[in-house]
Amino acid sequence: MPLPHDPNAEHKRSCPPEELLVDAEANDEPTPLANPPRPWLLLLGLVLVALNLRPALSSLAPLLNTVRDGTGLSAAAAGLLTTLPVLCLGLFAPLAPMLARRLGAERTVLLILFTLAGGIVLRSLFPVAGLFLGSLVAGASIGIIGVLLPGIVKRDFPHIAGTMTGVYTMALCLGAATAAGATVPLAGLMDDSWQLALAFWALPAVVAALVWLPQTRQNHHAHRAVYKVKGLWREPLAWQVTLYMGLQSSLAYIVFGWVPSILIDRGLSPTEAGLVLSGSVMVQLFSALAGPWLATRGKDQRLAVVIVMSLTLAGLLGLLYAPLSGIWGWAVVLGLGQGATFAIALALIVLRSPDSHVASSLSGMAQGVGYTLAACGPFLVGVVHDVTGGWGATGVIFVVVSVAAIGFGLGAGRNRLVRMKSEHV
């Protein structure tokens, strides 16, 4: 995706002392390899890994009422349970470049796939403690892998990075949709055991690890250099990108965590509620590809931000308040909005960066801070439900978060670049 031209991009300014070290596997030119990987095997591995980055999150939501009944969790505690893995996405994201520098990105992804599978299994072993500890491990694993995969895409598919980012995003959506729609039927096939239904999603993670194994034999690690980017955390535009990422993600994880429970309390069965969530996420497969195209049609991305956030808000309010007879239409509206909001958030990281090293640093900032902020959404919904005894007040949360996201998105969507430069160490 081409970066917009900014005549001030080369302007030098003093930078504060903060430094971000960037793994050079995000370098503009891929390093020649002694044993180059087969592109089709790498592509398959990337898709399978990406497919596993959402089931741990979306598989719990359709069973959340069942889990609460079986464990005695309050709505606030359930909100914390849905919040914990999202919080870990942000808190553990900074570990990704450190692990990649020590082990290499490919070996890190392999190792973390196994910790992801372990966390998913752990959720099912102990009634309450295992749920929270397993969710923590799974969330941390997803956060680490999520930071590393975009850099691998940029490095190994430099000429089709935009297309590959779309494929990666589609795989994320497909994994989320599959887990949301299939977990309740799986529980039915397993004597109504929610523990076994949740544990099932460890199997795809193990399969992905086995397919990814050949990538760990490539000698990327020996050819890496280190770049540093100074002052990013004091750049207003970087914060606007980060806060847009965090606020739109907050709405996404509210949907993953609570929409099935909302729909069940409105009269749908758990299977129907899971299918509505699954269908909404499936729609994101299409809008995730259309989002970057929409974002680059005009002179900047401000209009695109307003359109997709408005669709998201309309879909959320429709699911919350509209008659159930039209629930599928509102699910489609929500999917169109949320798929594009996430894709545009990723696109803004690239469009606002003068080079790939700044883009990597901005990506780490946006995901680390953004996902930490996003974790507040599901927890707040659970608290409000406990206090009010219903879901009506949740609409206020939807409106406030959406309006704030539009505000920061209007800043992030301007045709400007962050005024940072990467330097070789």
Protein backbone atom coordinates (compact mmCIF):
# COMPACT_ATOMS: atom_id res chain seq x y z
CA MET A 1 0.00 0.00 0.00
CA PRO A 2 1.73 3.24 -1.07
CA LEU A 3 2.46 5.85 1.53
CA PRO A 4 1.05 9.35 0.94
CA HIS A 5 3.65 11.94 0.05
CA ASP A 6 4.39 14.45 2.74
CA PRO A 7 6.93 17.19 1.96
CA ASN A 8 7.63 17.59 5.66
CA ALA A 9 8.39 13.92 6.20
CA GLU A 10 12.13 14.50 5.98
CA HIS A 11 12.05 17.41 8.39
CA LYS A 12 14.29 16.87 11.38
CA ARG A 13 13.28 17.72 14.90
CA SER A 14 14.59 17.01 18.38
CA CYS A 15 13.38 13.76 19.86
CA PRO A 16 12.76 12.76 23.48
CA PRO A 17 14.90 10.02 25.00
CA GLU A 18 12.42 7.17 24.58
CA GLU A 19 13.64 4.54 22.12
CA LEU A 20 11.96 1.58 20.52
CA LEU A 21 14.20 -1.17 19.17
CA VAL A 22 12.74 -2.73 16.05
CA ASP A 23 13.45 -6.21 14.83
CA ALA A 24 15.10 -5.88 11.42
CA GLU A 25 13.01 -8.69 10.05
CA ALA A 26 10.68 -5.84 9.14
CA ASN A 27 13.39 -4.46 6.86
CA ASP A 28 12.37 -3.01 3.50
CA GLU A 29 14.42 -5.57 1.59
CA PRO A 30 14.18 -9.26 2.49
CA THR A 31 17.38 -10.97 3.51
CA PRO A 32 18.65 -13.60 1.03
CA LEU A 33 18.38 -17.07 2.49
CA ALA A 34 20.53 -20.11 2.06
CA ASN A 35 17.42 -22.31 2.14
CA PRO A 36 14.49 -20.18 0.97
CA PRO A 37 11.10 -21.40 2.20
CA ARG A 38 8.46 -22.68 -0.18
CA PRO A 39 6.04 -19.75 -0.67
CA TRP A 40 2.96 -21.98 -0.63
CA LEU A 41 4.01 -23.61 2.63
CA LEU A 42 4.71 -20.24 4.22
CA LEU A 43 1.35 -18.94 3.02
CA LEU A 44 -0.44 -22.01 4.41
CA GLY A 45 1.39 -21.64 7.69
CA LEU A 46 0.51 -17.94 7.98
CA VAL A 47 -3.15 -18.63 7.29
CA LEU A 48 -3.33 -21.47 9.82
CA VAL A 49 -1.57 -19.42 12.48
CA ALA A 50 -3.90 -16.47 11.87
CA LEU A 51 -6.93 -18.75 12.08
CA ASN A 52 -5.93 -19.54 15.68
CA LEU A 53 -5.66 -15.94 16.92
CA ARG A 54 -9.38 -15.47 17.70
CA PRO A 55 -11.05 -18.82 18.65
CA ALA A 56 -9.79 -18.57 22.23
CA LEU A 57 -11.68 -15.27 22.46
CA SER A 58 -14.83 -15.94 20.46
CA SER A 59 -15.48 -19.54 21.60
CA LEU A 60 -16.28 -18.52 25.17
CA ALA A 61 -19.00 -15.95 24.44
CA PRO A 62 -21.79 -18.31 23.26
CA LEU A 63 -21.21 -20.49 26.33
CA LEU A 64 -20.74 -17.66 28.81
CA ASN A 65 -24.17 -18.04 30.45
CA THR A 66 -23.61 -21.79 30.73
CA VAL A 67 -20.17 -21.21 32.25
CA ARG A 68 -21.66 -18.72 34.73
CA ASP A 69 -24.33 -21.19 35.73
CA GLY A 70 -21.75 -23.92 36.22
CA THR A 71 -19.25 -21.82 38.17
CA GLY A 72 -21.39 -19.19 39.90
CA LEU A 73 -19.56 -16.25 38.32
CA SER A 74 -21.24 -12.86 38.57
CA ALA A 75 -21.65 -10.68 35.49
CA ALA A 76 -18.76 -8.50 36.69
CA ALA A 77 -16.54 -11.57 37.14
CA ALA A 78 -17.59 -12.82 33.72
CA GLY A 79 -16.75 -9.39 32.34
CA LEU A 80 -13.30 -9.71 33.89
CA LEU A 81 -12.98 -13.16 32.32
CA THR A 82 -13.73 -11.76 28.86
CA THR A 83 -11.49 -8.75 29.55
CA LEU A 84 -8.42 -10.65 30.76
CA PRO A 85 -7.25 -12.10 27.42
CA VAL A 86 -7.80 -8.76 25.67
CA LEU A 87 -5.78 -7.01 28.37
CA CYS A 88 -3.01 -9.55 27.82
CA LEU A 89 -2.97 -8.75 24.09
CA GLY A 90 -1.68 -5.34 25.02
CA LEU A 91 0.41 -6.08 28.09
CA PHE A 92 2.40 -8.89 26.48
CA ALA A 93 2.83 -7.32 23.01
CA PRO A 94 6.18 -5.72 24.02
CA LEU A 95 7.59 -9.21 24.65
CA ALA A 96 7.30 -10.06 20.95
CA PRO A 97 10.33 -8.12 19.64
CA MET A 98 12.46 -9.23 22.58
CA LEU A 99 11.66 -12.89 21.96
CA ALA A 100 12.16 -12.45 18.22
CA ARG A 101 15.61 -10.94 18.72
CA ARG A 102 16.63 -13.85 20.93
CA LEU A 103 14.96 -16.79 19.17
CA GLY A 104 13.98 -15.48 15.75
CA ALA A 105 10.42 -14.66 14.72
CA GLU A 106 9.66 -18.10 13.29
CA ARG A 107 10.81 -20.02 16.37
CA THR A 108 8.94 -17.61 18.62
CA VAL A 109 5.70 -18.18 16.70
CA LEU A 110 6.15 -21.96 16.99
CA LEU A 111 6.81 -21.81 20.73
CA ILE A 112 3.88 -19.49 21.40
CA LEU A 113 1.47 -21.65 19.40
CA PHE A 114 2.10 -24.40 21.93
CA THR A 115 1.59 -22.02 24.87
CA LEU A 116 -1.67 -20.92 23.20
CA ALA A 117 -2.83 -24.53 23.01
CA GLY A 118 -1.82 -25.03 26.65
CA GLY A 119 -3.77 -21.97 27.76
CA ILE A 120 -6.89 -23.15 25.93
CA VAL A 121 -6.67 -26.56 27.62
CA LEU A 122 -6.00 -24.99 31.01
CA ARG A 123 -9.31 -23.09 30.82
CA SER A 124 -11.12 -26.43 30.94
CA LEU A 125 -9.19 -28.21 33.68
CA PHE A 126 -10.23 -26.25 36.79
CA PRO A 127 -13.64 -24.65 37.28
CA VAL A 128 -12.66 -21.04 38.09
CA ALA A 129 -8.90 -20.70 38.57
CA GLY A 130 -8.21 -22.53 35.31
CA LEU A 131 -10.62 -20.27 33.42
CA PHE A 132 -8.78 -17.14 34.48
CA LEU A 133 -5.23 -18.52 34.31
CA GLY A 134 -5.85 -20.20 30.97
CA SER A 135 -7.40 -17.02 29.57
CA LEU A 136 -4.31 -15.10 30.69
CA VAL A 137 -1.94 -17.55 28.97
CA ALA A 138 -4.04 -17.66 25.80
CA GLY A 139 -4.33 -13.87 25.63
CA ALA A 140 -0.60 -13.38 26.15
CA SER A 141 0.15 -15.90 23.40
CA ILE A 142 -2.20 -14.22 20.93
CA GLY A 143 -0.71 -10.82 21.72
CA ILE A 144 2.84 -11.99 21.00
CA ILE A 145 2.01 -13.77 17.74
CA GLY A 146 -0.18 -10.89 16.58
CA VAL A 147 2.76 -8.49 16.72
CA LEU A 148 5.12 -10.81 14.84
CA LEU A 149 2.98 -11.97 11.90
CA PRO A 150 2.62 -8.58 10.13
CA GLY A 151 6.42 -8.20 10.11
CA ILE A 152 6.84 -11.66 8.58
CA VAL A 153 4.27 -10.74 5.92
CA LYS A 154 6.11 -7.52 5.08
CA ARG A 155 9.46 -9.29 4.91
CA ASP A 156 8.55 -12.38 2.88
CA PHE A 157 5.85 -10.87 0.64
CA PRO A 158 7.21 -7.34 0.07
CA HIS A 159 5.54 -6.79 -3.29
CA ILE A 160 2.07 -8.01 -2.25
CA ALA A 161 2.11 -7.01 1.41
CA GLY A 162 -1.25 -5.24 1.10
CA THR A 163 -2.93 -8.29 -0.39
CA MET A 164 -1.34 -10.58 2.17
CA THR A 165 -2.47 -8.32 5.00
CA GLY A 166 -5.99 -8.71 3.65
CA VAL A 167 -5.60 -12.50 3.57
CA TYR A 168 -4.24 -12.42 7.13
CA THR A 169 -7.18 -10.30 8.31
CA MET A 170 -9.67 -12.61 6.56
CA ALA A 171 -8.12 -15.61 8.33
CA LEU A 172 -8.53 -13.85 11.68
CA CYS A 173 -12.21 -13.23 10.93
CA LEU A 174 -12.77 -16.79 9.71
CA GLY A 175 -11.25 -18.27 12.87
CA ALA A 176 -13.40 -16.03 15.06
CA ALA A 177 -16.57 -16.83 13.12
CA THR A 178 -15.96 -20.58 13.11
CA ALA A 179 -15.39 -20.74 16.86
CA ALA A 180 -18.38 -18.51 17.62
CA GLY A 181 -20.74 -20.64 15.54
CA ALA A 182 -19.40 -24.12 16.27
CA THR A 183 -18.69 -24.13 20.01
CA VAL A 184 -22.28 -24.61 21.23
CA PRO A 185 -22.97 -27.46 18.77
CA LEU A 186 -19.67 -29.02 19.83
CA ALA A 187 -20.79 -28.89 23.45
CA GLY A 188 -23.99 -30.66 22.43
CA LEU A 189 -21.98 -33.44 20.82
CA MET A 190 -19.87 -33.78 23.98
CA ASP A 191 -22.65 -34.46 26.51
CA ASP A 192 -23.20 -30.71 27.03
CA SER A 193 -19.68 -30.32 28.41
CA TRP A 194 -18.60 -26.71 28.03
CA GLN A 195 -15.13 -27.72 29.24
CA LEU A 196 -14.55 -30.13 26.35
CA ALA A 197 -16.06 -27.71 23.84
CA LEU A 198 -13.63 -24.98 24.88
CA ALA A 199 -10.66 -27.38 25.01
CA PHE A 200 -11.35 -28.51 21.44
CA TRP A 201 -9.85 -25.27 20.07
CA ALA A 202 -6.40 -26.34 21.24
CA LEU A 203 -6.31 -28.90 18.41
CA PRO A 204 -6.20 -26.35 15.54
CA ALA A 205 -3.35 -24.56 17.34
CA VAL A 206 -1.32 -27.78 17.46
CA VAL A 207 -2.03 -28.45 13.77
CA ALA A 208 -0.88 -24.92 12.91
CA ALA A 209 2.33 -25.48 14.90
CA LEU A 210 3.10 -28.66 12.96
CA VAL A 211 2.55 -26.94 9.61
CA TRP A 212 4.63 -23.95 10.78
CA LEU A 213 7.56 -26.14 11.89
CA PRO A 214 9.47 -26.01 8.53
CA GLN A 215 9.66 -22.20 8.80
CA THR A 216 11.85 -22.50 11.90
CA ARG A 217 14.63 -24.04 9.79
CA GLN A 218 15.15 -20.83 7.81
CA ASN A 219 18.21 -18.81 8.80
CA HIS A 220 16.69 -15.35 9.13
CA HIS A 221 18.09 -14.76 12.58
CA ALA A 222 21.73 -14.53 11.56
CA HIS A 223 21.16 -11.71 9.09
CA ARG A 224 19.25 -9.30 11.26
CA ALA A 225 20.25 -5.81 12.27
CA VAL A 226 18.56 -3.54 14.80
CA TYR A 227 16.94 -0.19 14.17
CA LYS A 228 15.73 2.35 16.70
CA VAL A 229 12.93 4.88 16.43
CA LYS A 230 13.04 7.83 18.80
CA GLY A 231 10.23 9.98 20.16
CA LEU A 232 7.24 8.06 18.86
CA TRP A 233 5.47 8.14 22.21
CA ARG A 234 5.44 11.97 22.16
CA GLU A 235 4.04 12.22 18.65
CA PRO A 236 0.35 13.33 18.70
CA LEU A 237 -0.44 11.61 15.40
CA ALA A 238 0.91 8.31 16.75
CA TRP A 239 -1.42 8.62 19.74
CA GLN A 240 -4.39 9.34 17.48
CA VAL A 241 -3.68 6.17 15.50
CA THR A 242 -3.24 4.22 18.75
CA LEU A 243 -6.43 5.47 20.36
CA TYR A 244 -8.47 4.81 17.23
CA MET A 245 -7.09 1.26 17.21
CA GLY A 246 -7.90 0.80 20.90
CA LEU A 247 -11.42 2.22 20.84
CA GLN A 248 -12.59 0.30 17.78
CA SER A 249 -11.01 -2.85 19.26
CA SER A 250 -12.91 -2.24 22.49
CA LEU A 251 -16.19 -2.49 20.58
CA ALA A 252 -14.98 -5.64 18.82
CA TYR A 253 -14.18 -7.42 22.09
CA ILE A 254 -17.46 -6.30 23.64
CA VAL A 255 -19.10 -8.08 20.70
CA PHE A 256 -16.99 -11.21 21.19
CA GLY A 257 -17.59 -11.23 24.94
CA TRP A 258 -21.18 -10.11 25.43
CA VAL A 259 -23.35 -9.99 22.30
CA PRO A 260 -24.38 -13.67 22.57
CA SER A 261 -25.41 -13.14 26.21
CA ILE A 262 -27.37 -10.05 25.22
CA LEU A 263 -29.17 -11.94 22.47
CA ILE A 264 -29.90 -14.93 24.73
CA ASP A 265 -31.47 -12.64 27.32
CA ARG A 266 -33.51 -11.07 24.53
CA GLY A 267 -34.95 -14.47 23.63
CA LEU A 268 -32.60 -16.34 21.31
CA SER A 269 -31.26 -19.80 22.12
CA PRO A 270 -27.50 -20.17 22.75
CA THR A 271 -27.08 -21.83 19.36
CA GLU A 272 -28.97 -19.02 17.58
CA ALA A 273 -26.99 -16.36 19.44
CA GLY A 274 -23.70 -18.03 18.51
CA LEU A 275 -24.77 -18.23 14.88
CA VAL A 276 -25.71 -14.53 14.80
CA LEU A 277 -22.25 -13.66 16.13
CA SER A 278 -20.64 -16.08 13.69
CA GLY A 279 -22.61 -14.63 10.76
CA SER A 280 -21.66 -11.08 11.70
CA VAL A 281 -17.99 -12.01 11.87
CA MET A 282 -18.22 -13.88 8.54
CA VAL A 283 -19.40 -10.65 6.90
CA GLN A 284 -16.16 -9.10 8.13
CA LEU A 285 -14.30 -11.34 5.66
CA PHE A 286 -15.56 -9.10 2.87
CA SER A 287 -15.41 -5.71 4.54
CA ALA A 288 -11.89 -6.43 5.82
CA LEU A 289 -10.75 -6.56 2.19
CA ALA A 290 -12.87 -3.59 1.17
CA GLY A 291 -11.71 -1.42 4.09
CA PRO A 292 -8.17 -0.66 2.83
CA TRP A 293 -9.57 -0.03 -0.68
CA LEU A 294 -12.10 2.43 0.75
CA ALA A 295 -9.39 4.06 2.88
CA THR A 296 -7.24 4.90 -0.17
CA ARG A 297 -9.97 6.21 -2.50
CA GLY A 298 -10.02 9.79 -1.22
CA LYS A 299 -7.39 12.33 -0.33
CA ASP A 300 -7.34 10.98 3.24
CA GLN A 301 -9.14 8.45 5.45
CA ARG A 302 -11.43 10.71 7.50
CA LEU A 303 -14.63 10.03 5.54
CA ALA A 304 -13.91 6.28 5.57
CA VAL A 305 -13.53 6.36 9.36
CA VAL A 306 -16.87 8.12 9.80
CA ILE A 307 -18.68 5.71 7.47
CA VAL A 308 -17.39 2.47 9.00
CA MET A 309 -17.74 3.63 12.61
CA SER A 310 -21.31 4.76 11.90
CA LEU A 311 -22.12 1.33 10.48
CA THR A 312 -20.60 -0.30 13.56
CA LEU A 313 -22.63 1.85 15.96
CA ALA A 314 -25.84 1.27 14.00
CA GLY A 315 -25.30 -2.49 14.07
CA LEU A 316 -24.61 -2.55 17.80
CA LEU A 317 -27.69 -0.48 18.64
CA GLY A 318 -29.78 -2.64 16.31
CA LEU A 319 -28.72 -5.84 18.06
CA LEU A 320 -29.43 -4.24 21.42
CA TYR A 321 -32.78 -2.52 20.80
CA ALA A 322 -34.32 -3.49 17.44
CA PRO A 323 -36.97 -6.24 17.10
CA LEU A 324 -35.54 -9.74 16.92
CA SER A 325 -37.25 -10.29 13.57
CA GLY A 326 -34.60 -8.11 11.93
CA ILE A 327 -31.64 -9.34 13.97
CA TRP A 328 -29.79 -10.84 11.00
CA GLY A 329 -29.89 -7.56 9.09
CA TRP A 330 -28.34 -5.72 12.01
CA ALA A 331 -25.71 -8.46 12.33
CA VAL A 332 -24.74 -7.86 8.70
CA VAL A 333 -24.53 -4.08 9.27
CA LEU A 334 -22.32 -4.67 12.30
CA GLY A 335 -20.07 -7.05 10.36
CA LEU A 336 -19.67 -4.59 7.49
CA GLY A 337 -18.68 -1.88 9.94
CA GLN A 338 -16.36 -3.82 12.21
CA GLY A 339 -14.45 -5.65 9.49
CA ALA A 340 -13.65 -2.34 7.83
CA THR A 341 -12.84 -0.49 11.06
CA PHE A 342 -10.17 -3.04 11.98
CA ALA A 343 -8.72 -3.12 8.44
CA ILE A 344 -8.58 0.68 8.33
CA ALA A 345 -6.90 0.75 11.75
CA LEU A 346 -4.16 -1.53 10.35
CA ALA A 347 -3.96 0.56 7.16
CA LEU A 348 -3.51 3.78 9.15
CA ILE A 349 -0.41 2.33 10.79
CA VAL A 350 1.15 1.95 7.34
CA LEU A 351 -0.22 5.17 5.83
CA ARG A 352 0.99 7.36 8.69
CA SER A 353 4.54 5.88 8.74
CA PRO A 354 7.46 7.17 6.63
CA ASP A 355 9.23 3.77 6.53
CA SER A 356 8.75 0.16 7.54
CA HIS A 357 10.74 0.47 10.78
CA VAL A 358 8.56 3.33 12.01
CA ALA A 359 5.55 1.28 10.90
CA SER A 360 6.75 -1.64 13.06
CA SER A 361 7.22 0.63 16.07
CA LEU A 362 3.87 2.30 15.53
CA SER A 363 2.26 -1.13 15.18
CA GLY A 364 3.72 -2.20 18.52
CA MET A 365 2.53 1.01 20.18
CA ALA A 366 -0.95 0.80 18.65
CA GLN A 367 -1.39 -2.84 19.63
CA GLY A 368 0.25 -2.63 23.05
CA VAL A 369 -1.56 0.49 24.26
CA GLY A 370 -4.63 0.00 22.08
CA TYR A 371 -5.45 -3.51 23.25
CA THR A 372 -4.84 -2.55 26.87
CA LEU A 373 -7.40 0.21 26.42
CA ALA A 374 -9.72 -2.18 24.55
CA ALA A 375 -9.80 -4.50 27.56
CA CYS A 376 -11.76 -1.91 29.53
CA GLY A 377 -14.81 -2.30 27.28
CA PRO A 378 -15.92 -5.87 28.12
CA PHE A 379 -15.25 -5.33 31.83
CA LEU A 380 -17.27 -2.10 31.87
CA VAL A 381 -20.21 -3.81 30.17
CA GLY A 382 -20.21 -6.53 32.84
CA VAL A 383 -20.13 -3.98 35.67
CA VAL A 384 -22.94 -1.90 34.14
CA HIS A 385 -25.04 -5.05 33.70
CA ASP A 386 -24.51 -5.99 37.37
CA VAL A 387 -25.43 -2.49 38.55
CA THR A 388 -28.49 -2.01 36.35
CA GLY A 389 -29.68 -5.62 36.12
CA GLY A 390 -30.14 -5.36 32.35
CA TRP A 391 -28.53 -4.48 29.05
CA GLY A 392 -30.29 -1.22 28.17
CA ALA A 393 -27.57 1.05 29.57
CA THR A 394 -24.98 -0.73 27.41
CA GLY A 395 -26.14 1.42 24.52
CA VAL A 396 -24.63 4.45 26.24
CA ILE A 397 -21.25 2.70 26.27
CA PHE A 398 -21.61 1.91 22.56
CA VAL A 399 -22.36 5.54 21.71
CA VAL A 400 -19.59 7.06 23.85
CA VAL A 401 -16.89 4.68 22.59
CA SER A 402 -17.99 5.07 18.95
CA VAL A 403 -18.03 8.87 19.10
CA ALA A 404 -14.60 8.91 20.74
CA ALA A 405 -13.27 6.53 18.06
CA ILE A 406 -14.60 8.82 15.34
CA GLY A 407 -12.91 11.80 17.00
CA PHE A 408 -9.49 10.18 17.18
CA GLY A 409 -10.01 8.57 13.76
CA LEU A 410 -10.55 12.01 12.22
CA GLY A 411 -7.15 13.01 13.56
CA ALA A 412 -5.46 9.79 12.50
CA GLY A 413 -7.09 9.91 9.08
CA ARG A 414 -5.45 13.16 7.98
CA ASN A 415 -2.94 12.92 5.14
CA ARG A 416 0.15 13.31 7.31
CA LEU A 417 3.13 11.25 8.45
CA VAL A 418 4.50 10.83 11.95
CA ARG A 419 7.66 12.92 12.05
CA MET A 420 9.94 10.14 13.20
CA LYS A 421 12.89 8.49 11.48
CA SER A 422 14.43 5.08 12.01
CA GLU A 423 18.17 4.86 12.58
CA HIS A 424 20.46 1.85 12.19
CA VAL A 425 22.11 0.93 15.46
